[in-house]
Amino acid sequence: MAATPQSPSSSFANIAKIPELRKRLLFSAALLAVYRIGVYVTTPGVDRSVMQRIVSGEGGFLGLFNMFSGGALENLSIFALGIMPYVSASIILQLLSVVIPKLESLQREGELGRRKINQYTRYGTIVLSLIQGVGIASYLQSLNNLGYGRVVADPGFGFTALTVLTLTTGTAFIMWLGEQITDRGIGNGISLIIFSGIVARMPSAVYDTYRFATQDLLEPITPVFILGLIVLVVGCIIFFERGMRKIPIQYAKRMVGRKIYGGQSTHLPLKINMSGVIPPIFASSLLLFPQTIAQVVDFSWVQTVRNTIQPGTWLYNTLYVGLIVFFCFFYTSVQFNPVDVADNIKKYGGFIPGIRPGKKTAEYIDRVLSRITVGGALYISAICILPTLLQTQLNVPFYFGGTALLIVVGVALDTAQQIESHLITRHYDGFAGPKGKRIRGRKG
């Protein structure tokens, strides 16, 4: 008897019928709640109200850092560093694996090598947290001279040591929360932590937009335009994040004893956006770094660079798009090696129809990957430049765009894919129903 199609509501109801999945979801929600509570625990010796005025008044790098920390920076919480030291450490290790043969061999050792790399990532996270903690402690003490008020009540070595210890411990705890969610919960823990921080700040953005509209600071049609644009941007992100180029692969038949193996056809999926949100994060950090340095260092050339590269100017937008395109190609080349893929296909008796195995296959894959990466880089650039254009042209507070929406939509797709895998494994229909296509996350 054919299965009766289920409605989306019944598909969600099936989640509660699987004890393991229900336990994983509750576990993930509980740890995310712990993280959100910790965001409001202030570091000792800091005036939170003064810091909130500084972050809202300065913007720039502080605003970007505050977004990824889920508002922890403006509260000067114990989680002010956020999870970014862990993300930076993992990216640095991936880049070093290209030039250090030992790290490259560890990546090929399977589960044992992955555990070793994770251990190195943890050590790197602590080192980066210590360095950034010293920088933030020094920066907080320098903010006393900006005129907003005394951020630090008692500056000195004692405050620096206590701040470094507090912030490093907070980052280590967030890292542990993320790993626990990944192992015992649902979804990628680190991504969900960043996701929760961004989503938690969206209600305040909605309220600000509503307040501007009620105070006649915005045209009546502007909120409707923003809402429609949000829907359009989310649709574009879903379309491109799920988009891929499938390269057909044919495996030759071979006889082992009296049995014939192989002969099946499959495909090699190449994602349009293989680099994820790494390019806009790196590009934003590089462009906003001079503004942060200019707040502490009073050199004329630093001030000149700061005034030249102001967000919203044509030079800033041009450099931003250029850096995004560069990091898209660079990070994709680090993650995906066409030579290794071609060797693996050849090793198992596979070939691309019309292409010779080996070197020609690697060149073909590299050529296809380069072409679709151009489209992916242009897509990311368009999404990330949209908030800047709206703020400069329409003068509206457009929070729902750029890197934030890329992270939110991408993490939502990945988490939905994992939930759907649990449902299908236990003979339940997924979110798309029995006849619909499966939800694909950013990793396919």
Protein backbone atom coordinates (compact mmCIF):
# COMPACT_ATOMS: atom_id res chain seq x y z
CA MET A 1 0.00 0.00 0.00
CA ALA A 2 1.38 3.42 -0.91
CA ALA A 3 2.37 5.73 1.92
CA THR A 4 -0.06 8.52 2.68
CA PRO A 5 1.56 11.93 2.19
CA GLN A 6 2.04 13.75 5.48
CA SER A 7 1.58 17.42 6.14
CA PRO A 8 4.51 19.54 7.40
CA SER A 9 2.88 19.70 10.85
CA SER A 10 2.79 15.91 11.11
CA SER A 11 6.43 15.77 9.97
CA PHE A 12 7.36 18.03 12.87
CA ALA A 13 5.19 15.93 15.20
CA ASN A 14 7.21 12.85 14.21
CA ILE A 15 10.26 14.42 15.86
CA ALA A 16 8.68 13.91 19.28
CA LYS A 17 8.07 10.22 18.49
CA ILE A 18 11.79 9.42 18.30
CA PRO A 19 13.27 9.39 21.83
CA GLU A 20 16.87 9.78 20.68
CA LEU A 21 16.12 12.71 18.38
CA ARG A 22 13.93 14.36 21.03
CA LYS A 23 16.72 13.98 23.59
CA ARG A 24 19.30 15.44 21.20
CA LEU A 25 17.13 18.46 20.42
CA LEU A 26 16.43 19.17 24.10
CA PHE A 27 20.13 18.75 24.92
CA SER A 28 21.13 21.23 22.20
CA ALA A 29 18.48 23.73 23.32
CA ALA A 30 19.60 23.49 26.96
CA LEU A 31 23.26 24.16 26.16
CA LEU A 32 22.35 27.06 23.86
CA ALA A 33 20.29 28.49 26.72
CA VAL A 34 23.34 28.24 29.01
CA TYR A 35 25.36 30.15 26.42
CA ARG A 36 22.74 32.90 26.11
CA ILE A 37 22.59 33.30 29.90
CA GLY A 38 26.38 33.63 30.05
CA VAL A 39 26.26 36.49 27.53
CA TYR A 40 24.79 38.70 30.28
CA VAL A 41 27.40 37.84 32.95
CA THR A 42 29.71 40.88 32.94
CA THR A 43 33.49 40.67 33.29
CA PRO A 44 34.65 41.95 36.73
CA GLY A 45 35.75 45.58 36.92
CA VAL A 46 33.88 46.79 33.79
CA ASP A 47 30.94 49.20 33.46
CA ARG A 48 28.50 47.52 31.05
CA SER A 49 26.37 50.63 30.39
CA VAL A 50 29.37 52.67 29.23
CA MET A 51 30.51 49.88 26.91
CA GLN A 52 27.06 49.65 25.36
CA ARG A 53 27.20 53.34 24.47
CA ILE A 54 30.66 52.93 22.93
CA VAL A 55 29.70 49.91 20.78
CA SER A 56 26.50 51.58 19.54
CA GLY A 57 28.34 54.84 18.86
CA GLU A 58 31.51 53.54 17.23
CA GLY A 59 30.20 50.61 15.12
CA GLY A 60 32.81 49.41 12.62
CA PHE A 61 34.90 46.50 13.80
CA LEU A 62 33.25 46.60 17.22
CA GLY A 63 29.81 46.18 15.63
CA LEU A 64 31.02 43.23 13.53
CA PHE A 65 32.68 41.58 16.53
CA ASN A 66 29.60 42.23 18.65
CA MET A 67 27.39 40.54 16.03
CA PHE A 68 29.43 37.33 16.01
CA SER A 69 29.59 37.28 19.83
CA GLY A 70 25.79 37.55 20.06
CA GLY A 71 25.87 40.87 21.92
CA ALA A 72 28.48 39.65 24.43
CA LEU A 73 30.91 42.46 23.56
CA GLU A 74 28.53 45.32 24.33
CA ASN A 75 27.74 43.62 27.65
CA LEU A 76 31.47 42.98 28.26
CA SER A 77 30.49 39.49 29.32
CA ILE A 78 32.70 36.53 30.13
CA PHE A 79 31.92 35.35 26.57
CA ALA A 80 33.04 38.63 24.96
CA LEU A 81 35.61 36.86 22.77
CA GLY A 82 32.89 34.53 21.53
CA ILE A 83 33.72 31.46 19.49
CA MET A 84 35.81 33.38 16.93
CA PRO A 85 39.20 32.30 18.41
CA TYR A 86 38.16 28.68 17.79
CA VAL A 87 37.04 29.49 14.24
CA SER A 88 40.30 31.38 13.60
CA ALA A 89 42.39 28.51 14.99
CA SER A 90 40.64 25.95 12.82
CA ILE A 91 41.08 28.13 9.72
CA ILE A 92 44.77 28.67 10.49
CA LEU A 93 45.30 24.92 10.85
CA GLN A 94 43.58 24.29 7.53
CA LEU A 95 45.84 26.83 5.87
CA LEU A 96 48.95 25.39 7.55
CA SER A 97 48.06 21.91 6.34
CA VAL A 98 48.90 23.10 2.83
CA VAL A 99 52.52 23.91 3.75
CA ILE A 100 53.17 21.47 6.64
CA PRO A 101 53.32 17.83 5.47
CA LYS A 102 52.64 16.43 8.96
CA LEU A 103 49.28 18.22 9.20
CA GLU A 104 48.41 17.14 5.68
CA SER A 105 49.11 13.50 6.54
CA LEU A 106 46.98 13.80 9.70
CA GLN A 107 44.01 14.92 7.58
CA ARG A 108 44.29 11.69 5.59
CA GLU A 109 44.41 9.39 8.63
CA GLY A 110 40.67 9.37 9.19
CA GLU A 111 39.16 9.55 12.67
CA LEU A 112 42.49 9.35 14.53
CA GLY A 113 43.94 12.20 12.51
CA ARG A 114 40.79 14.28 12.97
CA ARG A 115 41.02 13.91 16.74
CA LYS A 116 44.64 15.00 16.69
CA ILE A 117 43.82 18.06 14.59
CA ASN A 118 40.95 18.91 16.96
CA GLN A 119 43.41 18.75 19.84
CA TYR A 120 45.76 21.16 18.05
CA THR A 121 42.76 23.41 17.35
CA ARG A 122 41.95 23.56 21.06
CA TYR A 123 45.52 24.52 21.90
CA GLY A 124 45.46 27.18 19.20
CA THR A 125 42.16 28.51 20.56
CA ILE A 126 43.65 29.01 24.01
CA VAL A 127 46.73 30.77 22.59
CA LEU A 128 44.62 33.10 20.44
CA SER A 129 42.27 33.78 23.36
CA LEU A 130 45.21 34.79 25.55
CA ILE A 131 46.54 37.15 22.87
CA GLN A 132 43.14 38.66 22.14
CA GLY A 133 42.39 38.89 25.86
CA VAL A 134 45.49 41.04 26.39
CA GLY A 135 44.48 43.22 23.45
CA ILE A 136 40.92 43.68 24.71
CA ALA A 137 42.11 44.46 28.26
CA SER A 138 44.48 47.15 26.94
CA TYR A 139 41.81 48.49 24.61
CA LEU A 140 39.22 48.71 27.40
CA GLN A 141 41.60 50.75 29.54
CA SER A 142 42.25 53.13 26.63
CA LEU A 143 38.48 53.70 26.24
CA ASN A 144 38.46 55.68 29.50
CA ASN A 145 39.82 58.66 27.50
CA LEU A 146 37.12 58.70 24.78
CA GLY A 147 34.67 60.80 26.78
CA TYR A 148 31.92 58.19 27.13
CA GLY A 149 32.79 57.52 30.78
CA ARG A 150 35.05 55.18 32.73
CA VAL A 151 34.74 51.72 31.22
CA VAL A 152 37.34 50.29 33.62
CA ALA A 153 37.00 51.32 37.24
CA ASP A 154 40.52 50.31 38.34
CA PRO A 155 42.99 50.03 35.41
CA GLY A 156 46.31 48.28 35.88
CA PHE A 157 48.05 44.93 35.74
CA GLY A 158 45.52 43.30 38.06
CA PHE A 159 42.63 44.20 35.76
CA THR A 160 44.56 42.95 32.71
CA ALA A 161 45.39 39.60 34.31
CA LEU A 162 41.83 39.06 35.57
CA THR A 163 40.30 40.02 32.20
CA VAL A 164 42.62 37.73 30.24
CA LEU A 165 41.86 34.81 32.58
CA THR A 166 38.08 35.47 32.45
CA LEU A 167 37.82 35.86 28.68
CA THR A 168 40.05 32.85 27.94
CA THR A 169 38.04 30.68 30.32
CA GLY A 170 34.81 31.90 28.73
CA THR A 171 36.01 30.99 25.22
CA ALA A 172 37.18 27.56 26.41
CA PHE A 173 33.75 26.97 27.95
CA ILE A 174 31.97 28.00 24.72
CA MET A 175 34.26 25.66 22.79
CA TRP A 176 33.30 22.83 25.14
CA LEU A 177 29.60 23.66 24.72
CA GLY A 178 29.96 23.53 20.94
CA GLU A 179 31.73 20.17 21.00
CA GLN A 180 29.10 18.71 23.34
CA ILE A 181 26.30 19.87 21.03
CA THR A 182 28.06 18.32 18.03
CA ASP A 183 28.65 14.98 19.81
CA ARG A 184 25.46 14.60 21.84
CA GLY A 185 23.03 17.07 20.28
CA ILE A 186 21.85 17.87 16.78
CA GLY A 187 23.71 19.99 14.23
CA ASN A 188 27.16 21.56 14.32
CA GLY A 189 27.66 23.04 17.78
CA ILE A 190 30.01 25.87 16.82
CA SER A 191 27.75 26.99 13.98
CA LEU A 192 24.66 26.81 16.21
CA ILE A 193 26.33 29.03 18.81
CA ILE A 194 27.02 31.71 16.20
CA PHE A 195 23.52 31.15 14.81
CA SER A 196 21.89 31.66 18.22
CA GLY A 197 23.82 34.88 18.82
CA ILE A 198 22.67 36.39 15.52
CA VAL A 199 19.04 35.24 15.87
CA ALA A 200 18.87 36.58 19.44
CA ARG A 201 19.64 40.09 18.18
CA MET A 202 17.07 40.08 15.38
CA PRO A 203 14.05 41.04 17.58
CA SER A 204 15.81 44.25 18.61
CA ALA A 205 16.48 45.01 14.92
CA VAL A 206 12.78 44.48 14.15
CA TYR A 207 11.86 46.80 17.01
CA ASP A 208 14.30 49.49 15.82
CA THR A 209 12.82 49.35 12.33
CA TYR A 210 9.29 49.60 13.78
CA ARG A 211 10.32 52.52 16.02
CA PHE A 212 11.84 54.41 13.09
CA ALA A 213 8.67 53.83 11.08
CA THR A 214 6.33 55.03 13.87
CA GLN A 215 8.46 58.14 14.46
CA ASP A 216 8.25 59.06 10.75
CA LEU A 217 12.02 58.55 10.38
CA LEU A 218 11.28 56.13 7.52
CA GLU A 219 8.94 56.32 4.59
CA PRO A 220 5.79 54.15 5.07
CA ILE A 221 6.73 51.98 2.11
CA THR A 222 10.27 51.33 3.40
CA PRO A 223 9.39 48.61 5.98
CA VAL A 224 7.35 46.77 3.34
CA PHE A 225 10.25 47.05 0.92
CA ILE A 226 12.66 45.71 3.56
CA LEU A 227 10.37 42.75 4.33
CA GLY A 228 10.08 41.84 0.66
CA LEU A 229 13.82 42.19 0.23
CA ILE A 230 14.45 39.87 3.18
CA VAL A 231 12.26 37.18 1.61
CA LEU A 232 14.04 37.62 -1.73
CA VAL A 233 17.52 37.45 -0.17
CA VAL A 234 16.66 34.34 1.87
CA GLY A 235 15.31 32.67 -1.27
CA CYS A 236 18.49 33.49 -3.18
CA ILE A 237 20.68 32.14 -0.37
CA ILE A 238 18.73 28.87 -0.24
CA PHE A 239 18.91 28.52 -4.04
CA PHE A 240 22.67 29.07 -4.23
CA GLU A 241 23.58 27.15 -1.05
CA ARG A 242 21.76 24.08 -2.39
CA GLY A 243 23.08 24.56 -5.92
CA MET A 244 25.78 22.25 -7.22
CA ARG A 245 27.36 21.01 -10.42
CA LYS A 246 27.21 17.23 -10.77
CA ILE A 247 30.10 15.74 -12.75
CA PRO A 248 29.14 12.24 -14.03
CA ILE A 249 31.49 9.39 -13.10
CA GLN A 250 31.37 5.91 -14.60
CA TYR A 251 33.00 2.91 -12.91
CA ALA A 252 34.26 0.13 -15.17
CA LYS A 253 33.14 -3.45 -14.67
CA ARG A 254 35.68 -5.86 -13.18
CA MET A 255 35.49 -9.57 -12.45
CA VAL A 256 36.56 -10.96 -9.08
CA GLY A 257 36.30 -14.74 -9.15
CA ARG A 258 32.92 -15.48 -10.67
CA LYS A 259 31.32 -12.21 -9.68
CA ILE A 260 31.26 -8.94 -11.61
CA TYR A 261 31.70 -5.73 -9.64
CA GLY A 262 31.35 -2.11 -10.73
CA GLY A 263 29.69 -0.78 -13.81
CA GLN A 264 27.50 1.70 -11.92
CA SER A 265 27.20 5.41 -12.64
CA THR A 266 27.44 8.12 -10.01
CA HIS A 267 28.39 11.78 -9.86
CA LEU A 268 30.83 14.13 -8.16
CA PRO A 269 28.92 17.06 -6.57
CA LEU A 270 30.70 20.43 -6.64
CA LYS A 271 29.03 23.09 -4.51
CA ILE A 272 28.64 26.57 -5.92
CA ASN A 273 29.69 28.02 -2.56
CA MET A 274 32.36 25.75 -1.10
CA SER A 275 33.95 28.40 1.10
CA GLY A 276 30.82 29.19 3.16
CA VAL A 277 30.96 32.43 5.16
CA ILE A 278 34.75 32.51 5.59
CA PRO A 279 35.42 35.04 2.73
CA PRO A 280 33.12 37.83 4.03
CA ILE A 281 34.37 37.32 7.60
CA PHE A 282 38.00 37.69 6.55
CA ALA A 283 37.26 40.57 4.18
CA SER A 284 35.29 42.52 6.81
CA SER A 285 37.97 41.97 9.42
CA LEU A 286 40.75 43.24 7.14
CA LEU A 287 38.85 46.36 6.06
CA LEU A 288 37.61 47.30 9.53
CA PHE A 289 40.92 46.62 11.26
CA PRO A 290 42.44 50.08 10.38
CA GLN A 291 39.44 51.79 12.02
CA THR A 292 40.03 49.89 15.24
CA ILE A 293 43.76 50.67 15.21
CA ALA A 294 43.02 54.36 14.57
CA GLN A 295 41.00 54.51 17.78
CA VAL A 296 44.11 53.61 19.80
CA VAL A 297 47.04 54.86 17.68
CA ASP A 298 47.17 58.57 16.80
CA PHE A 299 49.41 58.44 13.72
CA SER A 300 48.51 60.66 10.79
CA TRP A 301 48.89 57.92 8.15
CA VAL A 302 46.64 55.58 10.16
CA GLN A 303 43.97 58.28 10.36
CA THR A 304 44.31 58.87 6.61
CA VAL A 305 43.76 55.17 5.87
CA ARG A 306 40.77 55.15 8.23
CA ASN A 307 39.16 58.15 6.53
CA THR A 308 39.80 56.72 3.06
CA ILE A 309 38.35 53.28 3.75
CA GLN A 310 35.03 54.24 5.31
CA PRO A 311 32.12 51.77 5.07
CA GLY A 312 29.72 52.82 2.35
CA THR A 313 32.25 54.55 0.09
CA TRP A 314 32.92 53.24 -3.42
CA LEU A 315 36.53 52.38 -2.48
CA TYR A 316 35.40 50.33 0.52
CA ASN A 317 32.80 48.46 -1.54
CA THR A 318 35.32 47.77 -4.31
CA LEU A 319 37.94 46.44 -1.91
CA TYR A 320 35.29 44.43 -0.06
CA VAL A 321 34.11 42.67 -3.22
CA GLY A 322 37.69 42.10 -4.37
CA LEU A 323 38.71 40.52 -1.07
CA ILE A 324 35.61 38.31 -1.01
CA VAL A 325 36.39 37.00 -4.51
CA PHE A 326 40.03 36.40 -3.55
CA PHE A 327 39.19 34.50 -0.36
CA CYS A 328 36.53 32.45 -2.18
CA PHE A 329 39.14 31.11 -4.61
CA PHE A 330 41.84 30.80 -1.95
CA TYR A 331 39.74 28.94 0.63
CA THR A 332 38.19 26.68 -2.02
CA SER A 333 41.67 25.70 -3.22
CA VAL A 334 42.63 24.86 0.37
CA GLN A 335 39.54 22.74 0.98
CA PHE A 336 39.31 20.91 -2.35
CA ASN A 337 42.27 19.36 -4.20
CA PRO A 338 41.36 18.23 -7.76
CA VAL A 339 44.54 16.13 -8.02
CA ASP A 340 43.64 14.03 -4.97
CA VAL A 341 40.06 13.61 -6.19
CA ALA A 342 41.24 12.51 -9.65
CA ASP A 343 43.68 10.02 -8.09
CA ASN A 344 40.94 8.52 -5.91
CA ILE A 345 38.60 8.17 -8.90
CA LYS A 346 41.32 6.45 -10.90
CA LYS A 347 42.26 4.19 -7.97
CA TYR A 348 38.75 2.72 -7.78
CA GLY A 349 38.43 2.27 -11.53
CA GLY A 350 36.30 5.30 -12.24
CA PHE A 351 36.47 7.85 -15.01
CA ILE A 352 34.60 10.86 -16.34
CA PRO A 353 33.04 10.06 -19.74
CA GLY A 354 35.12 11.65 -22.50
CA ILE A 355 38.00 12.56 -20.11
CA ARG A 356 41.16 10.52 -19.63
CA PRO A 357 41.86 9.38 -16.04
CA GLY A 358 44.65 11.03 -14.07
CA LYS A 359 46.04 14.42 -15.04
CA LYS A 360 43.34 15.23 -17.62
CA THR A 361 40.62 14.47 -15.05
CA ALA A 362 42.26 16.76 -12.49
CA GLU A 363 42.49 19.56 -15.07
CA TYR A 364 38.84 19.10 -16.04
CA ILE A 365 37.64 19.17 -12.42
CA ASP A 366 39.79 22.22 -11.69
CA ARG A 367 38.38 24.04 -14.74
CA VAL A 368 34.77 23.29 -13.76
CA LEU A 369 35.42 24.22 -10.13
CA SER A 370 36.99 27.55 -11.15
CA ARG A 371 33.97 28.45 -13.25
CA ILE A 372 31.37 27.72 -10.59
CA THR A 373 33.51 29.46 -7.94
CA VAL A 374 33.22 32.65 -10.00
CA GLY A 375 29.45 32.41 -9.70
CA GLY A 376 29.68 31.61 -5.99
CA ALA A 377 32.00 34.55 -5.33
CA LEU A 378 29.70 36.97 -7.18
CA TYR A 379 26.70 35.62 -5.25
CA ILE A 380 28.40 36.09 -1.86
CA SER A 381 29.59 39.57 -2.86
CA ALA A 382 26.08 40.62 -3.87
CA ILE A 383 24.53 39.34 -0.64
CA CYS A 384 27.17 40.96 1.56
CA ILE A 385 27.23 44.32 -0.22
CA LEU A 386 23.44 44.67 -0.04
CA PRO A 387 23.24 46.08 3.55
CA THR A 388 25.88 48.71 2.76
CA LEU A 389 24.03 49.88 -0.35
CA LEU A 390 20.73 50.09 1.54
CA GLN A 391 22.24 52.06 4.41
CA THR A 392 23.94 54.56 2.10
CA GLN A 393 21.21 54.92 -0.52
CA LEU A 394 18.02 54.55 1.56
CA ASN A 395 19.39 55.38 5.01
CA VAL A 396 17.61 52.43 6.62
CA PRO A 397 18.88 50.14 9.42
CA PHE A 398 19.10 46.90 7.43
CA TYR A 399 20.38 44.28 9.88
CA PHE A 400 18.97 41.28 8.02
CA GLY A 401 21.59 40.88 5.35
CA GLY A 402 25.12 39.99 4.47
CA THR A 403 27.10 37.59 6.58
CA ALA A 404 24.35 37.31 9.21
CA LEU A 405 21.77 35.91 6.80
CA LEU A 406 24.35 33.62 5.17
CA ILE A 407 25.09 32.07 8.56
CA VAL A 408 21.45 31.87 9.68
CA VAL A 409 20.14 30.26 6.49
CA GLY A 410 23.14 27.95 6.04
CA VAL A 411 23.06 26.63 9.62
CA ALA A 412 19.27 26.19 9.41
CA LEU A 413 19.68 24.09 6.25
CA ASP A 414 22.39 21.93 7.82
CA THR A 415 20.38 21.34 11.00
CA ALA A 416 17.20 20.53 9.06
CA GLN A 417 19.18 18.06 6.96
CA GLN A 418 20.40 16.22 10.06
CA ILE A 419 16.89 16.11 11.56
CA GLU A 420 15.51 14.80 8.29
CA SER A 421 18.21 12.10 8.19
CA HIS A 422 17.09 10.89 11.64
CA LEU A 423 13.45 10.81 10.48
CA ILE A 424 14.17 8.93 7.25
CA THR A 425 16.46 6.44 9.01
CA ARG A 426 13.57 5.50 11.29
CA HIS A 427 11.09 5.20 8.38
CA TYR A 428 9.42 8.58 8.88
CA ASP A 429 8.82 11.07 6.09
CA GLY A 430 11.11 14.07 6.04
CA PHE A 431 10.06 17.71 5.94
CA ALA A 432 9.58 17.55 2.15
CA GLY A 433 7.25 14.54 2.33
CA PRO A 434 7.59 11.11 0.72
CA LYS A 435 7.63 12.44 -2.84
CA GLY A 436 9.64 15.57 -2.22
CA LYS A 437 13.36 16.01 -2.60
CA ARG A 438 15.53 15.73 0.47
CA ILE A 439 16.76 18.89 2.13
CA ARG A 440 20.42 19.42 1.40
CA GLY A 441 22.66 21.43 3.68
CA ARG A 442 25.78 23.32 2.68
CA LYS A 443 27.78 20.09 2.66
CA GLY A 444 25.30 18.34 0.36
